[in-house]
């Protein structure tokens, strides 16, 4: 009986330590939650530096047809973006296994050849390019990096707090794992899904203004979504395919109006 009381008291003490540590981290969240402003010049310089690194690690495709398609689409979408201070570059990476694309700060877009499994024409390719250009215009890459840095800093504060509280190492490890899991599900991934949805919406308008039929977004994301089905949305950094398509459909009347305007201008 006495041993059981001691065990219960130890458990209460451990829980108290966890609460103290978590509270310390939350109190500091106000300090680290404020994101530092990055100037356009700094963003451009960062993009140039990271672009050189990436170019040294990947192999660019020499496929003339695909390169021409990417160049055509990239030029038109960049023109629609109307950000002359951005030094837009569009690179085709020879990677048929991964259907992926990425944009670096300042407008350096890398598209894997694997995406052409789903992009059957330039209009569907414009869905991807518009999405990535929208990320760049909104500085999503910088914001996401800052958010991950905030989460890492709060995790470090939590560890320090547990150390000061003298928490049992095993309990400290469990608390650290709980924090990491919670930060990922409740802080990093929801934010990423939100920014992906923003890029979907802004990219849809960009492609429409560039003269590409926004209905192509439905055919592209439908094909692309079937390949990525199976992961619950809360575990993913991207919206669930059905939710993504539903939001695009809701925005379609506005996008079509922009597309019809662009057709008149291009005549």
Protein backbone atom coordinates (compact mmCIF):
# COMPACT_ATOMS: atom_id res chain seq x y z
CA UNK A 1 0.00 0.00 0.00
CA UNK A 2 2.82 2.40 0.98
CA UNK A 3 4.65 1.60 -2.29
CA UNK A 4 1.48 2.36 -4.26
CA UNK A 5 1.14 5.78 -2.56
CA UNK A 6 4.78 6.60 -3.39
CA UNK A 7 4.22 5.55 -7.02
CA UNK A 8 1.13 7.76 -7.26
CA UNK A 9 3.01 10.72 -5.74
CA UNK A 10 5.88 10.20 -8.20
CA UNK A 11 3.41 10.14 -11.08
CA UNK A 12 1.82 13.40 -9.85
CA UNK A 13 5.27 14.96 -9.57
CA UNK A 14 6.20 13.84 -13.09
CA UNK A 15 2.98 15.26 -14.51
CA UNK A 16 3.65 18.50 -12.64
CA UNK A 17 7.11 18.66 -14.23
CA UNK A 18 5.59 18.15 -17.68
CA UNK A 19 3.05 20.92 -17.06
CA UNK A 20 5.79 23.29 -15.84
CA UNK A 21 7.93 22.56 -18.90
CA UNK A 22 5.09 22.88 -21.37
CA UNK A 23 3.96 26.13 -19.75
CA UNK A 24 7.47 27.55 -20.08
CA UNK A 25 7.49 26.66 -23.76
CA UNK A 26 4.06 28.23 -24.32
CA UNK A 27 5.06 31.42 -22.52
CA UNK A 28 8.01 31.76 -24.86
CA UNK A 29 5.84 31.06 -27.89
CA UNK A 30 4.91 34.72 -27.96
CA UNK A 31 8.60 35.58 -28.32
CA UNK A 32 9.49 33.13 -31.07
CA UNK A 33 6.11 33.13 -32.81
CA UNK A 34 6.76 36.54 -34.34
CA UNK A 35 8.35 35.97 -37.73
CA UNK A 36 11.32 38.04 -38.78
CA UNK A 37 10.77 40.05 -41.95
CA UNK A 38 12.89 39.04 -44.92
CA UNK A 39 13.55 41.68 -47.58
CA UNK A 40 13.01 40.88 -51.27
CA UNK A 41 16.75 41.27 -51.79
CA UNK A 42 17.53 38.75 -49.05
CA UNK A 43 14.93 36.35 -50.43
CA UNK A 44 16.38 36.62 -53.93
CA UNK A 45 19.93 36.08 -52.65
CA UNK A 46 18.79 33.03 -50.69
CA UNK A 47 17.08 31.62 -53.77
CA UNK A 48 20.18 32.12 -55.89
CA UNK A 49 22.37 30.38 -53.33
CA UNK A 50 20.03 27.43 -52.81
CA UNK A 51 19.45 27.14 -56.57
CA UNK A 52 23.18 26.69 -57.17
CA UNK A 53 23.27 24.00 -54.48
CA UNK A 54 20.34 22.16 -55.99
CA UNK A 55 21.74 22.41 -59.52
CA UNK A 56 24.92 20.74 -58.29
CA UNK A 57 22.87 17.83 -56.92
CA UNK A 58 20.43 17.10 -59.74
CA UNK A 59 20.67 16.20 -63.40
CA UNK A 60 18.81 18.45 -65.80
CA UNK A 61 16.80 16.87 -68.61
CA UNK A 62 17.83 17.46 -72.22
CA UNK A 63 14.43 16.48 -73.57
CA UNK A 64 13.79 19.28 -76.07
CA UNK A 65 10.03 18.86 -76.22
CA UNK A 66 9.52 18.92 -72.45
CA UNK A 67 11.97 21.78 -71.97
CA UNK A 68 10.15 23.83 -74.60
CA UNK A 69 6.82 23.14 -72.92
CA UNK A 70 8.16 24.19 -69.50
CA UNK A 71 9.79 27.30 -70.98
CA UNK A 72 6.57 28.33 -72.76
CA UNK A 73 4.38 27.80 -69.73
CA UNK A 74 6.87 29.38 -67.33
CA UNK A 75 7.24 32.50 -69.48
CA UNK A 76 3.50 33.05 -69.74
CA UNK A 77 2.81 32.44 -66.05
CA UNK A 78 5.71 34.68 -65.01
CA UNK A 79 4.31 37.42 -67.23
CA UNK A 80 0.88 37.00 -65.60
CA UNK A 81 2.52 37.19 -62.15
CA UNK A 82 3.81 40.68 -63.04
CA UNK A 83 6.73 40.70 -60.63
CA UNK A 84 9.60 42.11 -62.71
CA UNK A 85 11.92 42.10 -59.69
CA UNK A 86 11.82 38.30 -59.69
CA UNK A 87 14.45 36.59 -61.83
CA UNK A 88 12.29 33.66 -62.89
CA UNK A 89 14.06 30.47 -63.95
CA UNK A 90 12.40 27.17 -64.84
CA UNK A 91 14.49 24.00 -64.70
CA UNK A 92 13.47 20.53 -65.90
CA UNK A 93 15.03 17.87 -63.68
CA UNK A 94 15.69 14.43 -65.15
CA UNK A 95 13.83 12.44 -62.51
CA UNK A 96 11.07 10.27 -64.00
CA UNK A 97 10.44 8.41 -60.74
CA UNK A 98 9.23 11.39 -58.69
CA UNK A 99 6.22 13.45 -59.75
CA UNK A 100 7.26 16.56 -57.90
CA UNK A 101 8.08 20.24 -58.30
CA UNK A 102 9.63 22.81 -55.99
CA UNK A 103 10.15 26.55 -56.02
CA UNK A 104 12.96 28.37 -54.24
CA UNK A 105 12.71 31.94 -52.91
CA UNK A 106 12.96 34.54 -55.63
CA UNK A 107 11.38 32.43 -58.37
CA UNK A 108 13.57 29.42 -59.18
CA UNK A 109 11.22 26.60 -60.20
CA UNK A 110 12.35 22.99 -60.55
CA UNK A 111 10.01 20.47 -62.20
CA UNK A 112 10.74 16.74 -62.30
CA UNK A 113 10.10 14.91 -65.57
CA UNK A 114 7.98 12.48 -63.53
CA UNK A 115 5.22 15.09 -63.40
CA UNK A 116 4.61 14.66 -67.10
CA UNK A 117 2.92 11.36 -66.27
CA UNK A 118 0.01 13.54 -65.12
CA UNK A 119 0.50 16.70 -67.20
CA UNK A 120 -0.59 15.58 -70.64
CA UNK A 121 -0.45 19.06 -72.21
CA UNK A 122 0.73 22.60 -71.53
CA UNK A 123 -2.54 23.55 -69.81
CA UNK A 124 -2.09 20.79 -67.23
CA UNK A 125 1.57 21.72 -66.85
CA UNK A 126 0.40 25.30 -66.18
CA UNK A 127 -1.46 23.96 -63.12
CA UNK A 128 1.85 22.90 -61.57
CA UNK A 129 3.83 25.96 -62.66
CA UNK A 130 1.06 28.33 -61.50
CA UNK A 131 0.96 26.56 -58.14
CA UNK A 132 4.73 26.90 -57.65
CA UNK A 133 4.83 30.52 -58.82
CA UNK A 134 2.02 31.30 -56.37
CA UNK A 135 4.15 29.82 -53.56
CA UNK A 136 7.02 32.11 -54.56
CA UNK A 137 4.86 35.24 -54.76
CA UNK A 138 3.52 34.62 -51.25
CA UNK A 139 6.97 33.74 -49.80
CA UNK A 140 5.57 30.46 -48.50
CA UNK A 141 9.01 28.83 -48.45
CA UNK A 142 10.42 31.48 -46.10
CA UNK A 143 7.34 31.35 -43.87
CA UNK A 144 7.41 27.55 -43.61
CA UNK A 145 11.10 27.58 -42.72
CA UNK A 146 10.44 30.15 -39.99
CA UNK A 147 7.56 28.07 -38.63
CA UNK A 148 9.71 24.94 -38.44
CA UNK A 149 12.42 26.97 -36.74
CA UNK A 150 9.88 28.18 -34.16
CA UNK A 151 8.78 24.60 -33.48
CA UNK A 152 12.38 23.44 -33.08
CA UNK A 153 13.14 26.31 -30.69
CA UNK A 154 10.10 25.53 -28.58
CA UNK A 155 11.20 21.90 -28.46
CA UNK A 156 14.61 22.98 -27.19
CA UNK A 157 12.96 25.17 -24.55
CA UNK A 158 10.85 22.21 -23.47
CA UNK A 159 13.94 20.05 -23.05
CA UNK A 160 15.66 22.75 -20.99
CA UNK A 161 12.56 23.13 -18.84
CA UNK A 162 12.39 19.40 -18.18
CA UNK A 163 16.07 19.40 -17.26
CA UNK A 164 15.60 22.28 -14.80
CA UNK A 165 12.60 20.49 -13.29
CA UNK A 166 14.72 17.39 -12.76
CA UNK A 167 12.34 15.14 -14.66
CA UNK A 168 13.11 11.45 -14.95
CA UNK A 169 14.96 10.87 -18.30
CA UNK A 170 12.40 8.30 -19.47
CA UNK A 171 9.51 10.67 -18.76
CA UNK A 172 11.43 13.48 -20.43
CA UNK A 173 11.89 11.36 -23.55
CA UNK A 174 8.17 10.57 -23.67
CA UNK A 175 7.29 14.24 -23.24
CA UNK A 176 9.72 15.22 -26.00
CA UNK A 177 8.22 12.62 -28.35
CA UNK A 178 4.72 13.83 -27.51
CA UNK A 179 5.74 17.42 -28.23
CA UNK A 180 7.34 16.50 -31.57
CA UNK A 181 4.27 14.54 -32.64
CA UNK A 182 1.90 17.27 -31.48
CA UNK A 183 3.92 20.03 -33.17
CA UNK A 184 3.89 18.12 -36.44
CA UNK A 185 0.16 17.35 -36.41
CA UNK A 186 -1.05 20.56 -34.82
CA UNK A 187 1.40 23.22 -35.97
CA UNK A 188 3.48 22.25 -39.02
CA UNK A 189 1.17 20.13 -41.16
CA UNK A 190 -2.04 22.21 -40.82
CA UNK A 191 -0.04 25.30 -41.78
CA UNK A 192 1.45 23.49 -44.77
CA UNK A 193 -2.00 22.34 -45.93
CA UNK A 194 -3.28 25.92 -45.61
CA UNK A 195 -0.43 27.27 -47.77
CA UNK A 196 -0.92 24.51 -50.34
CA UNK A 197 -4.58 25.47 -50.64
CA UNK A 198 -3.59 29.13 -51.03
CA UNK A 199 -1.16 28.18 -53.80
CA UNK A 200 -3.87 26.10 -55.51
CA UNK A 201 -6.23 29.10 -55.53
CA UNK A 202 -3.68 31.74 -56.54
CA UNK A 203 -2.12 29.39 -59.10
CA UNK A 204 -5.51 28.76 -60.68
CA UNK A 205 -6.00 32.51 -61.24
CA UNK A 206 -2.45 32.90 -62.56
CA UNK A 207 -2.85 30.15 -65.16
CA UNK A 208 -6.19 31.64 -66.23
CA UNK A 209 -4.63 35.08 -66.66
CA UNK A 210 -1.82 33.47 -68.66
CA UNK A 211 -4.40 32.11 -71.09
CA UNK A 212 -4.59 28.50 -69.90
CA UNK A 213 -8.01 26.94 -69.36
CA UNK A 214 -8.42 26.60 -65.56
CA UNK A 215 -10.61 23.52 -66.04
CA UNK A 216 -7.34 21.71 -66.71
CA UNK A 217 -6.72 21.95 -62.95
CA UNK A 218 -9.58 19.52 -62.37
CA UNK A 219 -8.23 16.92 -64.80
CA UNK A 220 -4.67 17.28 -63.49
CA UNK A 221 -5.48 17.11 -59.76
CA UNK A 222 -7.89 14.26 -60.35
CA UNK A 223 -5.14 12.18 -61.97
CA UNK A 224 -2.52 13.31 -59.46
CA UNK A 225 -4.82 12.74 -56.48
CA UNK A 226 -5.52 9.12 -57.39
CA UNK A 227 -1.81 8.39 -57.10
CA UNK A 228 -1.62 9.88 -53.61
CA UNK A 229 -4.80 8.51 -52.05
CA UNK A 230 -4.61 6.52 -48.82
CA UNK A 231 -2.99 9.00 -46.41
CA UNK A 232 -5.46 10.75 -44.06
CA UNK A 233 -5.39 14.52 -44.52
CA UNK A 234 -4.35 15.24 -40.90
CA UNK A 235 -1.18 13.20 -41.45
CA UNK A 236 -0.30 14.96 -44.71
CA UNK A 237 1.31 18.28 -45.60
CA UNK A 238 -1.14 18.57 -48.53
CA UNK A 239 -4.94 18.75 -48.67
CA UNK A 240 -6.84 15.54 -49.34
CA UNK A 241 -7.49 15.15 -53.09
CA UNK A 242 -11.28 15.44 -52.70
CA UNK A 243 -11.02 18.62 -50.60
CA UNK A 244 -8.49 20.11 -53.00
CA UNK A 245 -10.72 19.51 -56.01
CA UNK A 246 -13.81 20.81 -54.18
CA UNK A 247 -12.09 24.12 -53.42
CA UNK A 248 -10.90 24.45 -57.00
CA UNK A 249 -14.44 23.83 -58.27
CA UNK A 250 -15.75 26.53 -55.93
CA UNK A 251 -13.25 29.02 -57.38
CA UNK A 252 -13.82 27.97 -60.99
CA UNK A 253 -16.37 30.71 -61.94
CA UNK A 254 -13.87 33.42 -60.95
CA UNK A 255 -11.03 31.63 -62.73
CA UNK A 256 -13.10 31.19 -65.89
CA UNK A 257 -13.93 34.90 -65.88
CA UNK A 258 -10.19 35.67 -65.77
CA UNK A 259 -9.58 33.15 -68.54
CA UNK A 260 -12.22 34.72 -70.77
CA UNK A 261 -10.66 38.16 -70.19
CA UNK A 262 -7.25 36.81 -71.14
CA UNK A 263 -8.63 35.36 -74.38
CA UNK A 264 -9.95 38.79 -75.40
CA UNK A 265 -6.58 40.41 -74.66
CA UNK A 266 -4.66 37.74 -76.59
CA UNK A 267 -6.77 38.11 -79.75
